Amino acid sequence: MQDAGSPGTVATAAGRYFGYVIGGALPAASGARALLAAWDQCANADTGPSVMQMEQTAVRWIIDLLNLPAQTEGAFTTGATMANMTLLATARDTLLSRLGHPRGKGLLGAPALRVIASAEIHATVLKSLRLIGLGSDTIERVPTDAQGRMRADKLPKLDASCIMLAQAGNVCTGAFDPIGEIADACHAAGAWLHVDGAFGL
């Protein structure tokens, strides 16, 4: 395994690594991963309450660290695709419910939702949209500036059927979309704002 795998590896834990966000290869993260694999627990109240307690503790630490409102909630996923998929499914179901199509009905006969995103949207978001049945071919792409930031002055007219996808960190440059301006436009139109923070946050 070492002979076959080692020559093709990249030092993703190095301080100067600016490629894909692979995950935690730091000693504490690797140790936690090994413990969780050894314990082999389901994370639910009946069979894995210790795992749930650890997650809730870590979420509290992050809320405190970032000085977020006390009512903030959070959860951990297996990676960027699953995080985006989970939150985009929530966005889809919430918007459809607001439009009179509850989640239990599925997507057949559902009102059309519009997805608006940066021209430099991340691949995990595209995959997530396809996995939740919204597809990626109909995304309304917004032009970006030289640093890969979405241009807020080029947003299409938004409405209550829109899921707006912003990036907190372009994977090529690290630049953030102008999230404040985008959020104001979404709020005024009743659109849903999803922020992909896998890289920048």
Protein backbone atom coordinates (compact mmCIF):
# COMPACT_ATOMS: atom_id res chain seq x y z
CA MET A 1 0.00 0.00 0.00
CA GLN A 2 2.77 2.45 0.95
CA ASP A 3 4.73 1.68 -2.22
CA ALA A 4 1.68 2.19 -4.44
CA GLY A 5 0.14 5.20 -2.69
CA SER A 6 2.95 7.32 -1.29
CA PRO A 7 4.48 8.60 -4.58
CA GLY A 8 1.15 10.14 -5.60
CA THR A 9 0.41 12.07 -2.39
CA VAL A 10 0.38 15.82 -1.77
CA ALA A 11 1.32 17.56 1.50
CA THR A 12 -2.18 18.89 2.18
CA ALA A 13 -1.44 19.67 5.84
CA ALA A 14 1.37 22.05 4.90
CA GLY A 15 0.89 25.72 5.72
CA ARG A 16 1.44 26.77 2.11
CA TYR A 17 -1.04 24.32 0.54
CA PHE A 18 -3.60 26.18 -1.57
CA GLY A 19 -5.35 23.34 -3.40
CA TYR A 20 -8.55 21.51 -2.60
CA VAL A 21 -9.66 21.41 1.01
CA ILE A 22 -9.05 17.73 1.73
CA GLY A 23 -9.75 17.58 5.46
CA GLY A 24 -8.06 17.32 8.82
CA ALA A 25 -4.61 15.74 8.64
CA LEU A 26 -3.39 17.55 11.76
CA PRO A 27 -2.47 15.29 14.71
CA ALA A 28 -5.56 16.14 16.79
CA ALA A 29 -7.92 15.61 13.85
CA SER A 30 -6.23 12.34 12.86
CA GLY A 31 -6.41 11.11 16.46
CA ALA A 32 -10.11 11.97 16.72
CA ARG A 33 -10.80 10.19 13.43
CA ALA A 34 -8.99 7.05 14.67
CA LEU A 35 -10.94 7.05 17.94
CA LEU A 36 -14.28 7.45 16.16
CA ALA A 37 -13.44 4.62 13.77
CA ALA A 38 -12.40 2.38 16.68
CA TRP A 39 -15.56 3.18 18.68
CA ASP A 40 -17.74 2.56 15.57
CA GLN A 41 -20.78 4.36 16.98
CA CYS A 42 -23.98 5.60 15.39
CA ALA A 43 -24.48 9.25 16.24
CA ASN A 44 -27.94 9.21 17.78
CA ALA A 45 -29.44 9.56 21.24
CA ASP A 46 -30.19 5.84 21.68
CA THR A 47 -26.99 4.14 20.51
CA GLY A 48 -24.33 6.84 20.34
CA PRO A 49 -25.02 9.61 22.86
CA SER A 50 -21.30 10.21 23.49
CA VAL A 51 -20.73 11.04 19.81
CA MET A 52 -23.62 13.49 19.89
CA GLN A 53 -22.25 15.12 23.05
CA MET A 54 -18.83 15.57 21.42
CA GLU A 55 -20.41 17.14 18.36
CA GLN A 56 -22.55 19.50 20.45
CA THR A 57 -19.49 20.50 22.48
CA ALA A 58 -17.44 21.22 19.35
CA VAL A 59 -20.31 23.24 17.85
CA ARG A 60 -20.51 25.28 21.07
CA TRP A 61 -16.77 25.97 20.87
CA ILE A 62 -17.13 27.24 17.28
CA ILE A 63 -20.11 29.42 18.21
CA ASP A 64 -18.10 30.94 21.07
CA LEU A 65 -14.96 31.34 18.95
CA LEU A 66 -16.83 33.17 16.18
CA ASN A 67 -19.00 35.14 18.62
CA LEU A 68 -22.17 33.92 16.93
CA PRO A 69 -25.64 34.42 18.45
CA ALA A 70 -26.39 32.04 21.33
CA GLN A 71 -29.31 30.45 19.44
CA THR A 72 -26.98 29.35 16.59
CA GLU A 73 -27.09 25.64 15.84
CA GLY A 74 -24.74 23.44 13.86
CA ALA A 75 -23.80 19.94 12.80
CA PHE A 76 -20.84 18.19 11.23
CA THR A 77 -20.94 16.38 7.91
CA THR A 78 -18.48 14.09 6.16
CA GLY A 79 -17.25 16.82 3.84
CA ALA A 80 -18.06 19.71 1.52
CA THR A 81 -20.38 17.81 -0.81
CA MET A 82 -22.50 16.42 2.02
CA ALA A 83 -22.58 19.81 3.77
CA ASN A 84 -23.75 21.56 0.62
CA MET A 85 -26.21 18.78 -0.21
CA THR A 86 -27.77 18.85 3.27
CA LEU A 87 -28.22 22.62 3.28
CA LEU A 88 -29.38 22.84 -0.32
CA ALA A 89 -31.99 20.13 0.35
CA THR A 90 -33.17 22.26 3.29
CA ALA A 91 -33.32 25.31 1.02
CA ARG A 92 -35.22 23.35 -1.65
CA ASP A 93 -37.76 21.94 0.81
CA THR A 94 -38.29 25.26 2.59
CA LEU A 95 -38.84 27.24 -0.61
CA LEU A 96 -41.15 24.60 -2.08
CA SER A 97 -43.16 24.53 1.15
CA ARG A 98 -43.49 28.33 1.05
CA LEU A 99 -44.72 27.98 -2.52
CA GLY A 100 -47.43 25.53 -1.42
CA HIS A 101 -45.66 22.25 -2.24
CA PRO A 102 -44.82 20.39 1.02
CA ARG A 103 -41.84 18.06 1.23
CA GLY A 104 -43.96 14.90 1.38
CA LYS A 105 -45.11 15.41 -2.22
CA GLY A 106 -41.63 14.95 -3.67
CA LEU A 107 -40.42 16.84 -6.72
CA LEU A 108 -42.99 15.64 -9.26
CA GLY A 109 -45.29 18.53 -10.03
CA ALA A 110 -43.29 20.90 -7.83
CA PRO A 111 -42.97 24.59 -8.76
CA ALA A 112 -39.74 25.41 -10.57
CA LEU A 113 -36.95 26.81 -8.42
CA ARG A 114 -34.27 29.10 -9.80
CA VAL A 115 -30.64 28.56 -8.80
CA ILE A 116 -28.34 31.57 -9.14
CA ALA A 117 -24.60 31.17 -8.63
CA SER A 118 -21.18 32.55 -9.38
CA ALA A 119 -19.71 31.75 -12.77
CA GLU A 120 -16.93 30.12 -10.69
CA ILE A 121 -19.17 27.94 -8.53
CA HIS A 122 -17.36 25.07 -6.78
CA ALA A 123 -17.70 21.51 -8.11
CA THR A 124 -19.12 20.19 -4.82
CA VAL A 125 -22.09 22.53 -5.12
CA LEU A 126 -22.79 21.38 -8.68
CA LYS A 127 -22.71 17.75 -7.54
CA SER A 128 -24.96 18.56 -4.57
CA LEU A 129 -27.56 20.24 -6.79
CA ARG A 130 -27.69 17.16 -9.02
CA LEU A 131 -27.99 14.83 -6.02
CA ILE A 132 -31.04 16.69 -4.66
CA GLY A 133 -32.79 16.72 -8.02
CA LEU A 134 -32.36 20.39 -8.97
CA GLY A 135 -29.77 19.76 -11.68
CA SER A 136 -26.91 21.97 -12.73
CA ASP A 137 -27.66 22.79 -16.37
CA THR A 138 -30.18 25.54 -15.58
CA ILE A 139 -28.06 27.53 -13.10
CA GLU A 140 -28.19 31.27 -13.78
CA ARG A 141 -24.51 32.17 -13.67
CA VAL A 142 -23.40 35.58 -12.42
CA PRO A 143 -20.17 37.06 -13.83
CA THR A 144 -17.16 37.44 -11.54
CA ASP A 145 -14.39 40.01 -11.18
CA ALA A 146 -10.67 39.38 -11.70
CA GLN A 147 -10.40 37.75 -8.25
CA GLY A 148 -13.31 35.38 -8.83
CA ARG A 149 -15.82 37.32 -6.68
CA MET A 150 -19.44 37.36 -7.84
CA ARG A 151 -20.42 40.79 -9.13
CA ALA A 152 -23.40 41.93 -7.09
CA ASP A 153 -24.21 44.56 -9.73
CA LYS A 154 -24.83 41.73 -12.23
CA LEU A 155 -27.37 39.78 -10.16
CA PRO A 156 -30.57 38.87 -12.03
CA LYS A 157 -33.93 39.94 -10.62
CA LEU A 158 -34.54 37.72 -7.58
CA ASP A 159 -37.83 36.38 -6.23
CA ALA A 160 -39.15 33.89 -3.66
CA SER A 161 -38.34 30.91 -5.91
CA CYS A 162 -34.59 31.63 -5.92
CA ILE A 163 -31.75 29.82 -4.22
CA MET A 164 -28.75 32.15 -4.35
CA LEU A 165 -25.36 30.43 -3.97
CA ALA A 166 -22.51 32.56 -2.65
CA GLN A 167 -18.92 31.54 -1.88
CA ALA A 168 -16.94 32.43 1.21
CA GLY A 169 -13.64 31.80 -0.49
CA ASN A 170 -13.00 31.13 -4.16
CA VAL A 171 -10.81 27.99 -4.25
CA CYS A 172 -8.39 29.55 -6.74
CA THR A 173 -7.93 32.99 -5.13
CA GLY A 174 -9.49 32.86 -1.65
CA ALA A 175 -11.63 35.91 -2.51
CA PHE A 176 -15.09 36.14 -0.90
CA ASP A 177 -18.23 37.06 -2.81
CA PRO A 178 -19.76 40.37 -1.57
CA ILE A 179 -22.04 38.45 0.79
CA GLY A 180 -23.47 41.53 2.52
CA GLU A 181 -24.78 43.01 -0.74
CA ILE A 182 -26.03 39.62 -1.93
CA ALA A 183 -27.78 39.01 1.41
CA ASP A 184 -29.54 42.37 1.21
CA ALA A 185 -30.81 41.56 -2.30
CA CYS A 186 -32.01 38.10 -1.17
CA HIS A 187 -33.74 39.48 1.91
CA ALA A 188 -35.60 42.09 -0.13
CA ALA A 189 -36.81 39.47 -2.63
CA GLY A 190 -37.57 36.64 -0.20
CA ALA A 191 -34.87 34.49 -1.83
CA TRP A 192 -32.81 31.86 0.00
CA LEU A 193 -29.09 32.60 0.48
CA HIS A 194 -26.73 29.63 0.71
CA VAL A 195 -23.08 30.38 1.52
CA ASP A 196 -20.52 27.72 0.62
CA GLY A 197 -17.85 28.29 3.24
CA ALA A 198 -15.86 25.07 2.82
CA PHE A 199 -12.74 26.92 1.72
CA GLY A 200 -12.85 30.36 3.32
CA LEU A 201 -14.50 29.51 6.63
